[in-house]
């Protein structure tokens, strides 16, 4: 199990270009779809927790999933698997980047990566919004309907967005307030 944890997170670390939200589809594919270690709801929860804790999302997700699957040793192994490719690639690329950074070829590669990273971020955002605002859909794919909309989640989303944009509320109090509102609404009201 530890070897499989290392290998899955090694692949995530190796192919997670763009970091942050761009890596979410890859994490979902490996952990929810392929290995079935966590459910889609747990994946969304891990993303939320990973955003609240310091550090990159992929690294936080590796630690959380590793601990859940195989305890503290699993967390360490999954985290090591996630960072090992980056360390190797950065060491190799740093040497060549500083040597060839002014070449047109290098600039073309970097310009070509930008739209792909934006597409990965958009795909992850759509998946998270659908999971957060709609009642969990049954197994199998179908487009969500308006009747699947979780009105309490939409209310929390709209209020949080309003407070964030209008009053520039700090993220930690905003997330704490949203969590408290969710606790009250889903535990005692609904």
Protein backbone atom coordinates (compact mmCIF):
# COMPACT_ATOMS: atom_id res chain seq x y z
CA UNK A 1 0.00 0.00 0.00
CA UNK A 2 2.82 2.42 0.82
CA UNK A 3 4.48 1.74 -2.52
CA UNK A 4 1.21 2.36 -4.36
CA UNK A 5 0.68 5.59 -2.40
CA UNK A 6 4.18 6.75 -3.32
CA UNK A 7 3.70 5.81 -6.99
CA UNK A 8 0.29 7.52 -7.38
CA UNK A 9 1.50 10.73 -5.77
CA UNK A 10 4.78 10.54 -7.68
CA UNK A 11 2.68 10.56 -10.90
CA UNK A 12 0.58 13.45 -9.59
CA UNK A 13 3.74 15.38 -8.74
CA UNK A 14 5.32 14.52 -12.08
CA UNK A 15 2.40 15.61 -14.25
CA UNK A 16 0.96 18.50 -12.21
CA UNK A 17 1.97 21.47 -14.32
CA UNK A 18 0.57 24.80 -13.21
CA UNK A 19 0.13 23.83 -9.57
CA UNK A 20 -2.83 24.83 -7.41
CA UNK A 21 -6.17 24.33 -9.07
CA UNK A 22 -4.62 23.01 -12.29
CA UNK A 23 -3.63 19.78 -10.53
CA UNK A 24 -7.13 19.03 -9.17
CA UNK A 25 -8.36 17.03 -12.20
CA UNK A 26 -5.27 14.83 -12.00
CA UNK A 27 -5.69 14.26 -8.26
CA UNK A 28 -9.36 13.43 -8.80
CA UNK A 29 -8.54 10.99 -11.60
CA UNK A 30 -5.96 9.13 -9.49
CA UNK A 31 -7.71 9.11 -6.12
CA UNK A 32 -11.45 9.11 -6.89
CA UNK A 33 -11.77 7.48 -10.30
CA UNK A 34 -8.82 5.06 -10.61
CA UNK A 35 -7.95 3.97 -7.05
CA UNK A 36 -11.37 4.73 -5.45
CA UNK A 37 -9.59 5.60 -2.21
CA UNK A 38 -11.91 8.54 -1.57
CA UNK A 39 -15.37 9.59 -2.76
CA UNK A 40 -16.09 12.72 -4.78
CA UNK A 41 -17.53 14.34 -1.66
CA UNK A 42 -14.37 13.51 0.33
CA UNK A 43 -12.30 14.91 -2.54
CA UNK A 44 -14.20 18.20 -2.34
CA UNK A 45 -13.71 18.27 1.44
CA UNK A 46 -9.97 17.62 1.03
CA UNK A 47 -9.74 20.49 -1.47
CA UNK A 48 -11.49 22.80 1.00
CA UNK A 49 -9.20 21.74 3.86
CA UNK A 50 -6.14 22.00 1.60
CA UNK A 51 -7.05 25.58 0.77
CA UNK A 52 -7.34 26.49 4.45
CA UNK A 53 -3.99 25.00 5.42
CA UNK A 54 -0.69 26.52 4.36
CA UNK A 55 1.10 24.95 1.42
CA UNK A 56 0.28 23.70 -2.06
CA UNK A 57 -3.02 21.93 -2.62
CA UNK A 58 -1.42 18.77 -4.08
CA UNK A 59 0.96 18.46 -1.16
CA UNK A 60 -1.77 18.97 1.42
CA UNK A 61 -4.01 16.50 -0.38
CA UNK A 62 -1.17 13.96 -0.47
CA UNK A 63 -0.68 14.29 3.28
CA UNK A 64 -4.40 14.05 4.10
CA UNK A 65 -5.06 11.08 1.80
CA UNK A 66 -1.87 9.29 2.86
CA UNK A 67 -2.80 9.57 6.55
CA UNK A 68 -6.35 8.43 5.82
CA UNK A 69 -5.21 5.40 3.80
CA UNK A 70 -2.15 4.22 5.75
CA UNK A 71 -1.70 6.36 8.85
CA UNK A 72 1.26 8.63 9.54
CA UNK A 73 3.62 6.49 7.45
CA UNK A 74 1.18 6.83 4.54
CA UNK A 75 1.14 10.61 4.94
CA UNK A 76 4.92 10.77 4.87
CA UNK A 77 5.21 8.42 1.88
CA UNK A 78 2.48 10.18 -0.13
CA UNK A 79 4.03 13.59 0.59
CA UNK A 80 7.48 12.33 -0.42
CA UNK A 81 6.01 10.87 -3.60
CA UNK A 82 4.40 14.20 -4.43
CA UNK A 83 7.53 16.33 -3.98
CA UNK A 84 10.19 13.99 -5.39
CA UNK A 85 9.45 14.67 -9.10
CA UNK A 86 9.40 18.42 -8.53
CA UNK A 87 12.78 18.36 -6.83
CA UNK A 88 14.33 16.35 -9.65
CA UNK A 89 12.73 18.40 -12.44
CA UNK A 90 13.59 21.76 -10.86
CA UNK A 91 17.22 20.80 -10.42
CA UNK A 92 17.49 19.73 -14.07
CA UNK A 93 15.48 22.62 -15.52
CA UNK A 94 17.24 25.29 -13.46
CA UNK A 95 20.52 24.40 -15.02
CA UNK A 96 19.19 24.57 -18.59
CA UNK A 97 16.80 27.48 -18.07
CA UNK A 98 19.51 29.86 -16.94
CA UNK A 99 21.69 28.74 -19.82
CA UNK A 100 19.01 29.09 -22.55
CA UNK A 101 16.40 31.47 -21.07
CA UNK A 102 16.75 34.13 -23.78
CA UNK A 103 16.12 31.76 -26.70
CA UNK A 104 12.89 32.21 -28.66
CA UNK A 105 12.32 28.46 -28.40
CA UNK A 106 12.10 28.61 -24.59
CA UNK A 107 9.72 31.58 -24.65
CA UNK A 108 7.47 29.74 -27.14
CA UNK A 109 7.21 26.71 -24.87
CA UNK A 110 6.20 28.86 -21.90
CA UNK A 111 3.58 30.74 -23.95
CA UNK A 112 2.13 27.43 -25.11
CA UNK A 113 1.74 26.11 -21.56
CA UNK A 114 -0.36 29.06 -20.35
CA UNK A 115 -3.65 28.19 -22.16
CA UNK A 116 -3.39 24.53 -21.10
CA UNK A 117 -2.99 25.56 -17.45
CA UNK A 118 -5.99 27.92 -17.74
CA UNK A 119 -8.10 25.06 -19.17
CA UNK A 120 -7.12 22.75 -16.29
CA UNK A 121 -8.02 25.44 -13.74
CA UNK A 122 -11.41 25.98 -15.45
CA UNK A 123 -12.16 22.23 -15.45
CA UNK A 124 -11.33 21.93 -11.76
CA UNK A 125 -13.40 25.01 -10.91
CA UNK A 126 -16.47 23.68 -12.71
CA UNK A 127 -16.14 20.32 -10.94
CA UNK A 128 -15.82 21.94 -7.50
CA UNK A 129 -18.76 24.31 -8.09
CA UNK A 130 -20.97 21.45 -9.28
CA UNK A 131 -20.05 19.32 -6.27
CA UNK A 132 -20.49 22.17 -3.80
CA UNK A 133 -23.78 23.62 -5.08
CA UNK A 134 -25.67 20.54 -6.22
CA UNK A 135 -27.00 17.64 -4.18
CA UNK A 136 -24.77 14.62 -4.80
CA UNK A 137 -25.78 12.97 -8.02
CA UNK A 138 -26.33 9.21 -8.23
CA UNK A 139 -23.67 6.98 -9.74
CA UNK A 140 -23.24 7.52 -13.45
CA UNK A 141 -22.91 10.78 -15.29
CA UNK A 142 -25.79 13.11 -15.99
CA UNK A 143 -26.02 16.85 -16.10
CA UNK A 144 -27.33 18.40 -12.89
CA UNK A 145 -30.85 19.78 -13.01
CA UNK A 146 -32.16 22.89 -11.32
CA UNK A 147 -34.05 20.62 -8.90
CA UNK A 148 -30.68 19.19 -7.77
CA UNK A 149 -29.55 22.62 -6.57
CA UNK A 150 -28.75 22.78 -2.84
CA UNK A 151 -30.31 26.13 -1.90
CA UNK A 152 -28.50 26.35 1.44
CA UNK A 153 -25.14 25.86 -0.30
CA UNK A 154 -26.07 28.48 -2.91
CA UNK A 155 -27.03 30.90 -0.13
CA UNK A 156 -23.71 30.40 1.68
CA UNK A 157 -21.86 30.77 -1.64
CA UNK A 158 -23.63 34.01 -2.59
CA UNK A 159 -23.21 35.51 0.88
CA UNK A 160 -19.51 34.56 1.02
CA UNK A 161 -18.92 35.97 -2.47
CA UNK A 162 -20.73 39.20 -1.54
CA UNK A 163 -18.73 39.62 1.70
CA UNK A 164 -15.50 38.85 -0.09
CA UNK A 165 -16.04 41.26 -2.98
CA UNK A 166 -17.93 44.08 -1.26
CA UNK A 167 -16.33 44.24 2.17
CA UNK A 168 -12.99 42.51 1.47
CA UNK A 169 -13.51 40.15 4.42
CA UNK A 170 -10.36 38.19 5.26
CA UNK A 171 -10.38 34.58 4.09
CA UNK A 172 -9.97 32.87 7.45
CA UNK A 173 -12.99 34.55 9.13
CA UNK A 174 -14.98 34.06 5.92
CA UNK A 175 -14.22 30.34 5.80
CA UNK A 176 -14.88 29.98 9.52
CA UNK A 177 -18.20 31.75 9.14
CA UNK A 178 -19.16 29.61 6.15
CA UNK A 179 -18.27 26.47 8.10
CA UNK A 180 -20.34 27.65 11.07
CA UNK A 181 -23.28 28.49 8.79
CA UNK A 182 -23.00 25.03 7.22
CA UNK A 183 -22.92 23.41 10.66
CA UNK A 184 -26.02 25.29 11.77
CA UNK A 185 -27.95 24.80 8.53
CA UNK A 186 -27.14 21.17 7.86
CA UNK A 187 -26.99 19.92 11.45
CA UNK A 188 -29.95 21.65 13.07
CA UNK A 189 -32.12 23.43 10.50
CA UNK A 190 -32.27 21.16 7.43
